[in-house]
Amino acid sequence: MKQKKLTHVYFISGMSASSKIFERIHLPAEQYKTHFLEWIMPYSRNESMTKYAKRFAEQITEENPVIVGVSFGGMLAQEIARIIHCDKIILISSLKTPKEFSLFFKMTKALKLYRFLPINTINFTERLLMKNGTKKIKRTLSIYRKYLPLRSKRYLLWATRSFL
């Protein structure tokens, strides 16, 4: 009896998010093999999305994959599809083209407001709240850390610039 070839499905989370956001997704094992990809650190905040996508795509080892991308992960999935042949790209809460940007994002890009993202202040406030906050705040921050672990300044500046 001929065994049916598995479809390999690669999942890419949104900006700063861990692949743990997909932890409850279970596809039929007789048809699909799932791969949950993690963000890698950009070489610099000026690394092009194309160069980053080439490095990121090294995690994709199967031919003709299906790539599921959430938000910024969907934008990266589209960039990867320019590099390797993909059977399908599935976008969740993502943009297909820059024409779909809201007025807010267009203005943020035009005025380069992303340069003023207070990353250090956000991280400091989080540490302060984790140390001195209520049980509810600490529980919320623990969940935040679980699902949004990547908050380095280099990564966030690169991701924000690349998104825009």
N, C-alpha and C. Protein backbone atom coordinates (compact mmCIF):
# COMPACT_ATOMS: atom_id res chain seq x y z
N MET A 1 0.84 -1.17 0.00
CA MET A 1 0.00 0.00 0.00
C MET A 1 0.89 1.25 0.00
N LYS A 2 0.60 2.15 -0.90
CA LYS A 2 1.38 3.37 -1.04
C LYS A 2 1.01 4.36 0.05
N GLN A 3 2.04 4.85 0.74
CA GLN A 3 1.82 5.83 1.81
C GLN A 3 1.69 7.21 1.20
N LYS A 4 0.67 7.94 1.63
CA LYS A 4 0.43 9.29 1.13
C LYS A 4 1.51 10.23 1.66
N LYS A 5 2.00 11.09 0.78
CA LYS A 5 3.01 12.07 1.18
C LYS A 5 2.40 13.12 2.11
N LEU A 6 3.12 13.41 3.19
CA LEU A 6 2.65 14.40 4.15
C LEU A 6 2.82 15.81 3.61
N THR A 7 1.90 16.68 3.94
CA THR A 7 2.04 18.10 3.66
C THR A 7 2.73 18.74 4.85
N HIS A 8 3.81 19.44 4.58
CA HIS A 8 4.56 20.10 5.65
C HIS A 8 4.04 21.53 5.78
N VAL A 9 3.60 21.86 6.99
CA VAL A 9 3.03 23.17 7.28
C VAL A 9 3.94 23.88 8.28
N TYR A 10 4.44 25.03 7.86
CA TYR A 10 5.33 25.85 8.69
C TYR A 10 4.55 27.05 9.20
N PHE A 11 4.63 27.29 10.50
CA PHE A 11 3.91 28.39 11.13
C PHE A 11 4.90 29.47 11.56
N ILE A 12 4.57 30.73 11.21
CA ILE A 12 5.38 31.88 11.61
C ILE A 12 4.49 32.83 12.41
N SER A 13 4.85 33.07 13.64
CA SER A 13 4.06 33.95 14.51
C SER A 13 4.25 35.42 14.13
N GLY A 14 3.52 36.28 14.81
CA GLY A 14 3.63 37.71 14.57
C GLY A 14 4.85 38.30 15.25
N MET A 15 5.05 39.59 15.03
CA MET A 15 6.21 40.32 15.56
C MET A 15 6.37 40.08 17.06
N SER A 16 7.56 39.65 17.43
CA SER A 16 7.94 39.40 18.83
C SER A 16 7.30 38.17 19.44
N ALA A 17 6.37 37.55 18.76
CA ALA A 17 5.64 36.43 19.34
C ALA A 17 6.39 35.11 19.20
N SER A 18 6.17 34.27 20.16
CA SER A 18 6.72 32.92 20.16
C SER A 18 5.81 31.99 19.36
N SER A 19 6.36 30.88 18.93
CA SER A 19 5.54 29.88 18.24
C SER A 19 4.52 29.26 19.19
N LYS A 20 4.62 29.55 20.47
CA LYS A 20 3.67 29.02 21.45
C LYS A 20 2.24 29.50 21.16
N ILE A 21 2.10 30.56 20.37
CA ILE A 21 0.75 31.01 20.03
C ILE A 21 0.00 29.94 19.23
N PHE A 22 0.73 28.99 18.66
CA PHE A 22 0.12 27.92 17.87
C PHE A 22 -0.04 26.62 18.66
N GLU A 23 0.21 26.64 19.97
CA GLU A 23 0.28 25.41 20.74
C GLU A 23 -1.01 24.58 20.74
N ARG A 24 -2.11 25.16 20.42
CA ARG A 24 -3.38 24.41 20.41
C ARG A 24 -3.79 23.96 19.01
N ILE A 25 -2.95 24.20 18.04
CA ILE A 25 -3.26 23.76 16.68
C ILE A 25 -2.76 22.32 16.51
N HIS A 26 -3.68 21.46 16.15
CA HIS A 26 -3.35 20.06 15.92
C HIS A 26 -3.99 19.63 14.60
N LEU A 27 -3.16 19.43 13.59
CA LEU A 27 -3.64 18.97 12.30
C LEU A 27 -3.56 17.44 12.25
N PRO A 28 -4.39 16.79 11.43
CA PRO A 28 -4.36 15.32 11.35
C PRO A 28 -2.96 14.83 10.97
N ALA A 29 -2.36 14.03 11.85
CA ALA A 29 -0.97 13.57 11.68
C ALA A 29 -0.78 12.71 10.44
N GLU A 30 -1.84 12.07 9.97
CA GLU A 30 -1.70 11.23 8.78
C GLU A 30 -1.63 12.04 7.48
N GLN A 31 -1.93 13.33 7.58
CA GLN A 31 -1.89 14.20 6.41
C GLN A 31 -0.85 15.32 6.50
N TYR A 32 -0.57 15.78 7.72
CA TYR A 32 0.25 16.98 7.89
C TYR A 32 1.37 16.76 8.90
N LYS A 33 2.47 17.41 8.62
CA LYS A 33 3.58 17.50 9.58
C LYS A 33 3.73 18.99 9.87
N THR A 34 3.60 19.37 11.14
CA THR A 34 3.66 20.79 11.50
C THR A 34 5.05 21.16 12.00
N HIS A 35 5.45 22.37 11.66
CA HIS A 35 6.73 22.94 12.08
C HIS A 35 6.45 24.34 12.61
N PHE A 36 6.88 24.61 13.83
CA PHE A 36 6.63 25.91 14.44
C PHE A 36 7.96 26.66 14.51
N LEU A 37 8.07 27.71 13.71
CA LEU A 37 9.33 28.44 13.57
C LEU A 37 9.44 29.58 14.58
N GLU A 38 10.66 29.83 15.01
CA GLU A 38 10.93 30.94 15.93
C GLU A 38 11.68 32.04 15.18
N TRP A 39 11.46 33.26 15.61
CA TRP A 39 12.16 34.40 15.03
C TRP A 39 13.66 34.26 15.31
N ILE A 40 14.45 34.73 14.37
CA ILE A 40 15.90 34.80 14.57
C ILE A 40 16.30 36.26 14.69
N MET A 41 17.43 36.50 15.29
CA MET A 41 17.88 37.88 15.49
C MET A 41 18.40 38.45 14.17
N PRO A 42 17.95 39.63 13.80
CA PRO A 42 18.52 40.27 12.60
C PRO A 42 19.98 40.63 12.86
N TYR A 43 20.76 40.65 11.77
CA TYR A 43 22.17 41.03 11.91
C TYR A 43 22.31 42.47 12.39
N SER A 44 21.40 43.32 11.92
CA SER A 44 21.40 44.72 12.35
C SER A 44 19.98 45.25 12.16
N ARG A 45 19.71 46.44 12.68
CA ARG A 45 18.37 46.99 12.48
C ARG A 45 18.15 47.45 11.05
N ASN A 46 19.22 47.46 10.24
CA ASN A 46 19.10 47.87 8.84
C ASN A 46 19.13 46.69 7.87
N GLU A 47 19.15 45.45 8.39
CA GLU A 47 19.14 44.28 7.51
C GLU A 47 17.86 44.30 6.68
N SER A 48 17.99 44.08 5.38
CA SER A 48 16.80 44.11 4.52
C SER A 48 15.91 42.90 4.82
N MET A 49 14.64 43.07 4.55
CA MET A 49 13.69 41.98 4.74
C MET A 49 14.06 40.80 3.84
N THR A 50 14.55 41.08 2.65
CA THR A 50 14.94 40.01 1.72
C THR A 50 16.09 39.18 2.29
N LYS A 51 17.11 39.84 2.80
CA LYS A 51 18.25 39.11 3.39
C LYS A 51 17.81 38.33 4.63
N TYR A 52 16.98 38.95 5.44
CA TYR A 52 16.48 38.27 6.63
C TYR A 52 15.66 37.04 6.22
N ALA A 53 14.80 37.20 5.23
CA ALA A 53 13.96 36.09 4.77
C ALA A 53 14.81 34.92 4.26
N LYS A 54 15.91 35.22 3.58
CA LYS A 54 16.80 34.15 3.11
C LYS A 54 17.37 33.37 4.28
N ARG A 55 17.79 34.08 5.31
CA ARG A 55 18.34 33.40 6.49
C ARG A 55 17.25 32.64 7.24
N PHE A 56 16.08 33.25 7.37
CA PHE A 56 14.97 32.63 8.08
C PHE A 56 14.50 31.37 7.35
N ALA A 57 14.51 31.42 6.02
CA ALA A 57 14.03 30.30 5.21
C ALA A 57 14.91 29.05 5.35
N GLU A 58 16.10 29.21 5.90
CA GLU A 58 16.96 28.04 6.13
C GLU A 58 16.33 27.07 7.11
N GLN A 59 15.37 27.53 7.90
CA GLN A 59 14.64 26.66 8.83
C GLN A 59 13.63 25.77 8.11
N ILE A 60 13.33 26.12 6.87
CA ILE A 60 12.34 25.36 6.09
C ILE A 60 13.09 24.31 5.29
N THR A 61 12.94 23.07 5.69
CA THR A 61 13.75 22.00 5.11
C THR A 61 13.00 21.14 4.10
N GLU A 62 11.70 21.27 4.03
CA GLU A 62 10.90 20.45 3.12
C GLU A 62 10.53 21.24 1.87
N GLU A 63 10.40 20.53 0.77
CA GLU A 63 10.01 21.18 -0.49
C GLU A 63 8.51 21.44 -0.52
N ASN A 64 8.15 22.47 -1.25
CA ASN A 64 6.75 22.84 -1.48
C ASN A 64 5.93 22.92 -0.18
N PRO A 65 6.41 23.66 0.79
CA PRO A 65 5.68 23.72 2.05
C PRO A 65 4.45 24.62 1.95
N VAL A 66 3.60 24.48 2.94
CA VAL A 66 2.54 25.44 3.19
C VAL A 66 3.07 26.30 4.33
N ILE A 67 2.99 27.62 4.17
CA ILE A 67 3.45 28.51 5.23
C ILE A 67 2.26 29.32 5.74
N VAL A 68 2.07 29.27 7.05
CA VAL A 68 1.02 30.04 7.71
C VAL A 68 1.71 31.17 8.46
N GLY A 69 1.36 32.40 8.14
CA GLY A 69 1.97 33.55 8.79
C GLY A 69 0.93 34.44 9.42
N VAL A 70 1.19 34.81 10.67
CA VAL A 70 0.29 35.71 11.41
C VAL A 70 0.89 37.10 11.42
N SER A 71 0.11 38.09 11.00
CA SER A 71 0.51 39.49 11.05
C SER A 71 1.86 39.71 10.36
N PHE A 72 2.87 40.18 11.08
CA PHE A 72 4.19 40.40 10.49
C PHE A 72 4.77 39.09 9.96
N GLY A 73 4.45 37.98 10.60
CA GLY A 73 4.87 36.67 10.10
C GLY A 73 4.29 36.37 8.73
N GLY A 74 3.13 36.90 8.43
CA GLY A 74 2.53 36.75 7.11
C GLY A 74 3.30 37.53 6.06
N MET A 75 3.80 38.69 6.45
CA MET A 75 4.62 39.49 5.54
C MET A 75 5.93 38.76 5.25
N LEU A 76 6.51 38.16 6.29
CA LEU A 76 7.73 37.39 6.10
C LEU A 76 7.46 36.16 5.24
N ALA A 77 6.32 35.51 5.44
CA ALA A 77 5.96 34.34 4.63
C ALA A 77 5.90 34.70 3.14
N GLN A 78 5.36 35.86 2.83
CA GLN A 78 5.30 36.29 1.44
C GLN A 78 6.69 36.54 0.86
N GLU A 79 7.57 37.08 1.68
CA GLU A 79 8.95 37.31 1.24
C GLU A 79 9.66 35.98 1.02
N ILE A 80 9.43 35.01 1.89
CA ILE A 80 10.02 33.68 1.74
C ILE A 80 9.53 33.02 0.45
N ALA A 81 8.26 33.23 0.13
CA ALA A 81 7.69 32.63 -1.08
C ALA A 81 8.33 33.18 -2.35
N ARG A 82 9.02 34.29 -2.26
CA ARG A 82 9.76 34.81 -3.41
C ARG A 82 11.10 34.08 -3.57
N ILE A 83 11.53 33.41 -2.50
CA ILE A 83 12.83 32.74 -2.47
C ILE A 83 12.70 31.25 -2.75
N ILE A 84 11.71 30.61 -2.12
CA ILE A 84 11.50 29.18 -2.32
C ILE A 84 10.08 28.94 -2.81
N HIS A 85 9.89 27.85 -3.53
CA HIS A 85 8.55 27.53 -4.01
C HIS A 85 7.72 27.01 -2.84
N CYS A 86 6.55 27.59 -2.66
CA CYS A 86 5.62 27.16 -1.61
C CYS A 86 4.33 26.70 -2.26
N ASP A 87 3.77 25.65 -1.71
CA ASP A 87 2.49 25.17 -2.23
C ASP A 87 1.39 26.19 -1.96
N LYS A 88 1.40 26.72 -0.74
CA LYS A 88 0.41 27.73 -0.34
C LYS A 88 1.01 28.64 0.71
N ILE A 89 0.48 29.86 0.75
CA ILE A 89 0.77 30.81 1.82
C ILE A 89 -0.58 31.17 2.42
N ILE A 90 -0.69 31.02 3.72
CA ILE A 90 -1.94 31.36 4.41
C ILE A 90 -1.64 32.54 5.33
N LEU A 91 -2.35 33.63 5.12
CA LEU A 91 -2.14 34.85 5.91
C LEU A 91 -3.26 34.99 6.93
N ILE A 92 -2.87 35.27 8.15
CA ILE A 92 -3.83 35.51 9.23
C ILE A 92 -3.54 36.89 9.79
N SER A 93 -4.52 37.77 9.72
CA SER A 93 -4.38 39.14 10.23
C SER A 93 -3.12 39.80 9.69
N SER A 94 -2.91 39.68 8.41
CA SER A 94 -1.72 40.23 7.77
C SER A 94 -2.10 41.07 6.57
N LEU A 95 -1.11 41.74 6.02
CA LEU A 95 -1.31 42.55 4.83
C LEU A 95 -0.69 41.87 3.63
N LYS A 96 -1.37 41.96 2.48
CA LYS A 96 -0.80 41.40 1.25
C LYS A 96 0.10 42.40 0.55
N THR A 97 -0.24 43.67 0.66
CA THR A 97 0.54 44.72 0.00
C THR A 97 0.58 45.96 0.88
N PRO A 98 1.56 46.84 0.67
CA PRO A 98 1.59 48.09 1.43
C PRO A 98 0.37 48.97 1.19
N LYS A 99 -0.35 48.74 0.11
CA LYS A 99 -1.56 49.52 -0.16
C LYS A 99 -2.62 49.31 0.92
N GLU A 100 -2.51 48.22 1.66
CA GLU A 100 -3.48 47.91 2.70
C GLU A 100 -3.14 48.58 4.04
N PHE A 101 -2.04 49.31 4.11
CA PHE A 101 -1.67 50.02 5.34
C PHE A 101 -2.75 51.01 5.72
N SER A 102 -2.98 51.12 7.02
CA SER A 102 -3.91 52.13 7.52
C SER A 102 -3.24 53.50 7.43
N LEU A 103 -4.02 54.54 7.58
CA LEU A 103 -3.48 55.90 7.58
C LEU A 103 -2.45 56.07 8.70
N PHE A 104 -2.72 55.46 9.85
CA PHE A 104 -1.78 55.54 10.98
C PHE A 104 -0.41 55.01 10.58
N PHE A 105 -0.36 53.84 9.94
CA PHE A 105 0.93 53.26 9.55
C PHE A 105 1.60 54.08 8.44
N LYS A 106 0.81 54.61 7.54
CA LYS A 106 1.37 55.45 6.48
C LYS A 106 2.02 56.70 7.08
N MET A 107 1.36 57.31 8.05
CA MET A 107 1.91 58.51 8.68
C MET A 107 3.14 58.16 9.54
N THR A 108 3.08 57.04 10.24
CA THR A 108 4.21 56.60 11.05
C THR A 108 5.44 56.39 10.18
N LYS A 109 5.23 55.80 9.02
CA LYS A 109 6.33 55.57 8.09
C LYS A 109 6.85 56.90 7.53
N ALA A 110 5.96 57.73 7.06
CA ALA A 110 6.35 58.99 6.43
C ALA A 110 7.11 59.90 7.40
N LEU A 111 6.66 59.94 8.64
CA LEU A 111 7.30 60.80 9.64
C LEU A 111 8.40 60.09 10.42
N LYS A 112 8.62 58.80 10.11
CA LYS A 112 9.64 57.97 10.78
C LYS A 112 9.46 57.98 12.30
N LEU A 113 8.22 57.93 12.73
CA LEU A 113 7.92 57.95 14.16
C LEU A 113 8.36 56.68 14.87
N TYR A 114 8.55 55.61 14.11
CA TYR A 114 8.97 54.34 14.71
C TYR A 114 10.34 54.48 15.39
N ARG A 115 11.12 55.47 15.01
CA ARG A 115 12.44 55.68 15.63
C ARG A 115 12.31 56.05 17.10
N PHE A 116 11.14 56.52 17.50
CA PHE A 116 10.93 56.96 18.88
C PHE A 116 10.24 55.90 19.74
N LEU A 117 10.18 54.67 19.27
CA LEU A 117 9.59 53.59 20.02
C LEU A 117 10.32 53.44 21.36
N PRO A 118 9.63 53.57 22.48
CA PRO A 118 10.29 53.59 23.79
C PRO A 118 10.58 52.18 24.33
N ILE A 119 11.38 51.42 23.62
CA ILE A 119 11.63 50.02 23.97
C ILE A 119 12.25 49.88 25.36
N ASN A 120 13.26 50.66 25.65
CA ASN A 120 13.91 50.55 26.96
C ASN A 120 12.93 50.90 28.09
N THR A 121 12.09 51.89 27.87
CA THR A 121 11.11 52.28 28.88
C THR A 121 10.09 51.17 29.09
N ILE A 122 9.65 50.56 28.01
CA ILE A 122 8.67 49.47 28.12
C ILE A 122 9.27 48.30 28.90
N ASN A 123 10.49 47.91 28.56
CA ASN A 123 11.14 46.79 29.25
C ASN A 123 11.39 47.12 30.73
N PHE A 124 11.80 48.35 31.02
CA PHE A 124 12.02 48.77 32.41
C PHE A 124 10.71 48.71 33.19
N THR A 125 9.64 49.23 32.61
CA THR A 125 8.33 49.23 33.26
C THR A 125 7.86 47.80 33.53
N GLU A 126 8.08 46.93 32.58
CA GLU A 126 7.69 45.53 32.77
C GLU A 126 8.44 44.91 33.96
N ARG A 127 9.75 45.13 34.02
CA ARG A 127 10.54 44.58 35.14
C ARG A 127 10.07 45.16 36.48
N LEU A 128 9.78 46.44 36.49
CA LEU A 128 9.30 47.10 37.71
C LEU A 128 7.96 46.52 38.16
N LEU A 129 7.04 46.34 37.20
CA LEU A 129 5.73 45.78 37.53
C LEU A 129 5.84 44.32 37.97
N MET A 130 6.74 43.58 37.37
CA MET A 130 6.91 42.18 37.75
C MET A 130 7.41 42.07 39.19
N LYS A 131 8.23 43.02 39.58
CA LYS A 131 8.79 43.01 40.93
C LYS A 131 7.79 43.54 41.96
N ASN A 132 7.04 44.58 41.60
CA ASN A 132 6.21 45.28 42.57
C ASN A 132 4.71 45.23 42.30
N GLY A 133 4.29 44.59 41.24
CA GLY A 133 2.87 44.60 40.87
C GLY A 133 2.01 43.65 41.68
N THR A 134 0.72 43.77 41.47
CA THR A 134 -0.24 42.87 42.12
C THR A 134 -0.13 41.48 41.50
N LYS A 135 -0.79 40.51 42.14
CA LYS A 135 -0.79 39.14 41.61
C LYS A 135 -1.37 39.10 40.19
N LYS A 136 -2.42 39.86 39.97
CA LYS A 136 -3.07 39.89 38.66
C LYS A 136 -2.11 40.45 37.60
N ILE A 137 -1.42 41.53 37.93
CA ILE A 137 -0.46 42.13 36.99
C ILE A 137 0.67 41.15 36.71
N LYS A 138 1.17 40.50 37.74
CA LYS A 138 2.26 39.52 37.56
C LYS A 138 1.81 38.35 36.70
N ARG A 139 0.58 37.89 36.90
CA ARG A 139 0.05 36.78 36.08
C ARG A 139 -0.08 37.22 34.62
N THR A 140 -0.56 38.42 34.41
CA THR A 140 -0.69 38.96 33.04
C THR A 140 0.68 39.09 32.39
N LEU A 141 1.65 39.60 33.12
CA LEU A 141 3.01 39.75 32.58
C LEU A 141 3.64 38.39 32.28
N SER A 142 3.34 37.39 33.09
CA SER A 142 3.87 36.04 32.83
C SER A 142 3.35 35.50 31.50
N ILE A 143 2.08 35.73 31.25
CA ILE A 143 1.48 35.30 29.97
C ILE A 143 2.11 36.10 28.83
N TYR A 144 2.25 37.39 29.04
CA TYR A 144 2.89 38.26 28.05
C TYR A 144 4.28 37.76 27.72
N ARG A 145 5.07 37.41 28.73
CA ARG A 145 6.43 36.91 28.51
C ARG A 145 6.43 35.58 27.78
N LYS A 146 5.44 34.74 28.06
CA LYS A 146 5.37 33.43 27.41
C LYS A 146 5.12 33.57 25.91
N TYR A 147 4.18 34.41 25.55
CA TYR A 147 3.77 34.51 24.15
C TYR A 147 4.50 35.60 23.36
N LEU A 148 5.08 36.57 24.04
CA LEU A 148 5.80 37.66 23.37
C LEU A 148 7.19 37.81 23.99
N PRO A 149 8.05 36.82 23.81
CA PRO A 149 9.34 36.85 24.50
C PRO A 149 10.42 37.70 23.85
N LEU A 150 10.30 37.98 22.58
CA LEU A 150 11.39 38.65 21.86
C LEU A 150 11.20 40.15 21.90
N ARG A 151 11.95 40.80 22.80
CA ARG A 151 11.79 42.24 22.98
C ARG A 151 13.11 42.98 22.98
N SER A 152 14.12 42.43 22.33
CA SER A 152 15.38 43.16 22.29
C SER A 152 15.22 44.40 21.42
N LYS A 153 15.98 45.42 21.75
CA LYS A 153 15.88 46.69 21.03
C LYS A 153 16.23 46.49 19.54
N ARG A 154 17.30 45.74 19.27
CA ARG A 154 17.72 45.52 17.88
C ARG A 154 16.61 44.84 17.08
N TYR A 155 16.02 43.79 17.64
CA TYR A 155 14.96 43.08 16.93
C TYR A 155 13.75 43.98 16.69
N LEU A 156 13.30 44.67 17.73
CA LEU A 156 12.09 45.48 17.60
C LEU A 156 12.27 46.65 16.64
N LEU A 157 13.43 47.29 16.66
CA LEU A 157 13.67 48.38 15.70
C LEU A 157 13.72 47.84 14.28
N TRP A 158 14.39 46.67 14.10
CA TRP A 158 14.44 46.06 12.77
C TRP A 158 13.03 45.68 12.31
N ALA A 159 12.28 45.01 13.17
CA ALA A 159 10.95 44.52 12.78
C ALA A 159 10.01 45.68 12.45
N THR A 160 10.05 46.72 13.28
CA THR A 160 9.17 47.86 13.02
C THR A 160 9.54 48.54 11.72
N ARG A 161 10.82 48.77 11.49
CA ARG A 161 11.25 49.41 10.24
C ARG A 161 10.90 48.52 9.06
N SER A 162 11.12 47.22 9.17
CA SER A 162 10.83 46.30 8.08
C SER A 162 9.34 46.24 7.78
N PHE A 163 8.53 46.25 8.82
CA PHE A 163 7.08 46.23 8.65
C PHE A 163 6.61 47.44 7.86
N LEU A 164 7.16 48.58 8.23
CA LEU A 164 6.74 49.82 7.56
C LEU A 164 7.40 49.98 6.21
